[in-house]
N, C-alpha and C. Protein backbone atom coordinates (compact mmCIF):
# COMPACT_ATOMS: atom_id res chain seq x y z
N MET A 1 349.47 241.45 123.61
CA MET A 1 348.97 242.04 121.87
C MET A 1 347.92 240.95 121.45
N CYS A 2 348.49 239.99 121.18
CA CYS A 2 347.82 238.92 120.43
C CYS A 2 346.61 238.42 121.13
N ALA A 3 346.64 238.58 122.49
CA ALA A 3 344.98 238.28 123.15
C ALA A 3 344.34 239.28 123.20
N ASP A 4 344.35 240.73 123.14
CA ASP A 4 343.38 241.37 122.81
C ASP A 4 342.93 241.42 121.26
N LEU A 5 343.85 241.19 120.43
CA LEU A 5 343.37 240.96 118.51
C LEU A 5 342.58 239.70 118.69
N MET A 6 342.91 238.73 119.46
CA MET A 6 342.02 237.53 119.38
C MET A 6 340.59 237.65 119.92
N ASP A 7 340.29 238.64 120.95
CA ASP A 7 338.97 239.09 121.68
C ASP A 7 338.42 239.71 120.55
N ALA A 8 339.26 240.60 119.69
CA ALA A 8 338.37 241.46 118.88
C ALA A 8 337.89 241.01 117.83
N LEU A 9 338.87 239.77 117.21
CA LEU A 9 338.37 238.89 116.27
C LEU A 9 337.28 238.23 116.30
N GLU A 10 337.04 237.68 117.73
CA GLU A 10 336.15 237.06 118.28
C GLU A 10 334.79 237.59 118.13
N LYS A 11 334.70 239.03 118.63
CA LYS A 11 333.64 239.70 118.57
C LYS A 11 333.24 240.20 117.23
N ARG A 12 334.11 241.04 116.31
CA ARG A 12 333.73 241.18 115.22
C ARG A 12 334.05 240.25 113.79
N GLU A 13 335.02 239.32 114.33
CA GLU A 13 335.28 238.77 112.96
C GLU A 13 336.29 239.54 111.74
N LEU A 14 336.09 240.48 111.39
CA LEU A 14 336.73 241.44 110.55
C LEU A 14 337.47 242.39 111.37
N LEU A 15 338.88 242.48 111.26
CA LEU A 15 339.30 243.49 111.53
C LEU A 15 340.21 244.39 111.13
N LYS A 16 340.17 245.56 110.97
CA LYS A 16 341.28 246.52 110.15
C LYS A 16 342.31 246.78 111.43
N VAL A 17 343.63 246.82 111.02
CA VAL A 17 344.92 247.24 112.31
C VAL A 17 345.67 248.35 111.12
N GLN A 18 345.72 249.16 111.79
CA GLN A 18 346.71 250.48 111.27
C GLN A 18 347.98 250.19 112.07
N VAL A 19 349.11 250.14 110.89
CA VAL A 19 350.61 250.36 111.40
C VAL A 19 350.99 251.68 111.47
N LEU A 20 351.56 251.75 112.67
CA LEU A 20 352.28 253.03 112.91
C LEU A 20 353.18 253.53 112.04
N GLN A 21 353.04 254.97 111.49
CA GLN A 21 353.98 255.59 110.54
C GLN A 21 355.32 255.15 110.94
N ASN A 22 355.63 255.35 112.36
CA ASN A 22 356.89 254.95 112.80
C ASN A 22 357.61 254.09 112.89
N CYS A 23 356.60 252.62 112.90
CA CYS A 23 357.09 251.06 112.71
C CYS A 23 358.21 251.03 111.37
N ALA A 24 359.24 250.51 112.09
CA ALA A 24 360.50 250.42 111.05
C ALA A 24 360.02 249.08 110.10
N ASP A 25 359.09 247.89 110.77
CA ASP A 25 359.07 246.98 109.83
C ASP A 25 357.97 247.03 108.73
N ALA A 26 358.20 246.32 107.84
CA ALA A 26 357.36 246.60 106.43
C ALA A 26 355.82 246.02 107.13
N PRO A 27 354.74 246.77 106.50
CA PRO A 27 353.27 246.37 106.67
C PRO A 27 352.98 244.83 106.47
N LYS A 28 353.57 244.05 105.51
CA LYS A 28 353.42 242.92 105.22
C LYS A 28 353.93 241.98 105.98
N ASP A 29 354.88 242.46 106.30
CA ASP A 29 355.92 241.38 107.63
C ASP A 29 354.81 241.51 108.99
N VAL A 30 354.54 242.64 109.22
CA VAL A 30 353.86 242.84 110.36
C VAL A 30 352.31 242.05 110.15
N ALA A 31 351.59 242.00 109.02
CA ALA A 31 350.68 241.13 108.89
C ALA A 31 350.86 239.65 109.08
N GLN A 32 351.94 239.39 108.39
CA GLN A 32 352.63 237.83 108.44
C GLN A 32 352.67 237.51 110.30
N GLU A 33 353.17 238.17 111.03
CA GLU A 33 353.32 237.70 112.52
C GLU A 33 351.82 237.98 113.51
N LEU A 34 350.87 238.92 112.50
CA LEU A 34 349.64 238.74 113.45
C LEU A 34 348.74 237.87 112.82
N VAL A 35 349.00 237.32 111.98
CA VAL A 35 348.05 236.05 111.27
C VAL A 35 348.55 234.90 111.73
N ALA A 36 350.36 234.65 112.35
CA ALA A 36 350.60 233.69 112.97
C ALA A 36 350.29 233.74 114.26
N GLY A 37 349.99 235.06 114.89
CA GLY A 37 349.90 234.81 116.22
C GLY A 37 348.25 234.82 116.48
N THR A 38 347.41 234.81 115.76
CA THR A 38 346.15 234.72 115.78
C THR A 38 345.15 233.67 115.02
N ASN A 39 345.93 232.83 114.14
CA ASN A 39 345.48 232.15 113.50
C ASN A 39 344.45 232.61 112.22
N ALA A 40 344.45 233.95 112.27
CA ALA A 40 343.56 234.68 111.09
C ALA A 40 344.01 234.86 109.75
N GLU A 41 342.76 234.67 109.15
CA GLU A 41 343.32 234.91 107.47
C GLU A 41 343.57 236.05 107.20
N LEU A 42 344.50 236.25 106.27
CA LEU A 42 344.95 237.65 105.85
C LEU A 42 343.93 238.02 104.78
N VAL A 43 343.36 238.94 104.65
CA VAL A 43 342.23 239.73 103.59
C VAL A 43 343.22 240.48 102.73
N GLN A 44 343.98 241.68 102.94
CA GLN A 44 344.70 242.32 102.46
C GLN A 44 345.42 243.37 103.01
N VAL A 45 346.45 243.91 102.42
CA VAL A 45 347.18 245.22 102.96
C VAL A 45 347.24 245.98 102.31
N ILE A 46 347.00 247.24 102.61
CA ILE A 46 346.99 248.16 101.59
C ILE A 46 347.59 249.31 102.53
N GLY A 47 348.73 249.81 101.69
CA GLY A 47 349.68 250.76 102.54
C GLY A 47 350.03 250.41 103.87
N LYS A 48 349.13 251.07 104.98
CA LYS A 48 349.81 250.59 106.53
C LYS A 48 348.59 249.86 107.14
N VAL A 49 347.42 249.71 106.30
CA VAL A 49 346.20 249.13 106.65
C VAL A 49 346.54 247.66 106.54
N ILE A 50 345.88 246.79 107.61
CA ILE A 50 345.93 245.55 107.47
C ILE A 50 344.47 244.87 107.92
N VAL A 51 343.90 244.02 107.07
CA VAL A 51 342.77 243.24 107.32
C VAL A 51 342.50 241.92 107.55
N LEU A 52 341.85 241.42 108.66
CA LEU A 52 341.98 240.33 109.15
C LEU A 52 340.75 239.95 109.60
N TYR A 53 340.78 238.42 108.89
CA TYR A 53 339.46 237.99 109.04
C TYR A 53 339.72 236.42 110.03
N LYS A 54 338.49 235.80 110.76
CA LYS A 54 338.53 234.86 111.77
C LYS A 54 337.48 234.67 111.95
N GLU A 55 336.53 233.39 111.74
CA GLU A 55 335.27 233.41 111.94
C GLU A 55 335.16 233.14 113.31
N SER A 56 333.89 233.40 113.79
CA SER A 56 333.54 233.83 115.12
C SER A 56 332.95 232.27 115.92
N LYS A 57 333.43 231.80 116.80
CA LYS A 57 333.17 230.91 117.24
C LYS A 57 331.39 230.90 117.81
N GLU A 58 331.15 231.89 118.72
CA GLU A 58 329.97 232.36 119.72
C GLU A 58 329.13 233.45 118.89
N ASN A 59 329.85 234.42 118.05
CA ASN A 59 329.23 235.74 117.61
C ASN A 59 329.31 235.68 115.89
N LYS A 60 328.91 234.47 115.51
CA LYS A 60 328.84 234.89 113.93
C LYS A 60 328.09 235.85 113.10
N THR A 61 328.73 236.72 112.49
CA THR A 61 327.66 237.76 111.97
C THR A 61 327.88 238.02 110.51
N LEU A 62 329.18 237.42 110.11
CA LEU A 62 329.22 237.56 108.38
C LEU A 62 329.04 236.28 107.80
N GLU A 63 328.28 236.41 106.82
CA GLU A 63 328.27 235.19 106.17
C GLU A 63 328.50 235.43 104.54
N LEU A 64 329.81 234.45 104.38
CA LEU A 64 330.46 234.16 103.45
C LEU A 64 329.66 233.38 102.17
N PRO A 65 330.20 233.92 100.92
CA PRO A 65 329.07 233.14 99.58
C PRO A 65 330.22 232.13 99.47
N ARG A 66 329.50 231.33 99.02
CA ARG A 66 329.69 229.78 98.62
C ARG A 66 330.47 229.67 97.44
C-alpha cells in the first residue's frame, strides 16, 4: 500500500486520501501512519480527508513560497 502512495506522491507531490466510512481508526491516526510510512508531510486532516505533501525528486511541479 505505501509503495502505491509513494509512487503517487512522486508523480503529483500533493495527494488527498479519503478514509472509508467503515474504518474504525480515527483519521488523524491513519494520517500519522501514512506520514510514517511515506516520509511525507501532513498538510491537513478535514473530516475523513487527509492531505499529504512530499517534494518530488524528478517531477517537481509545485513552487512553495519562501
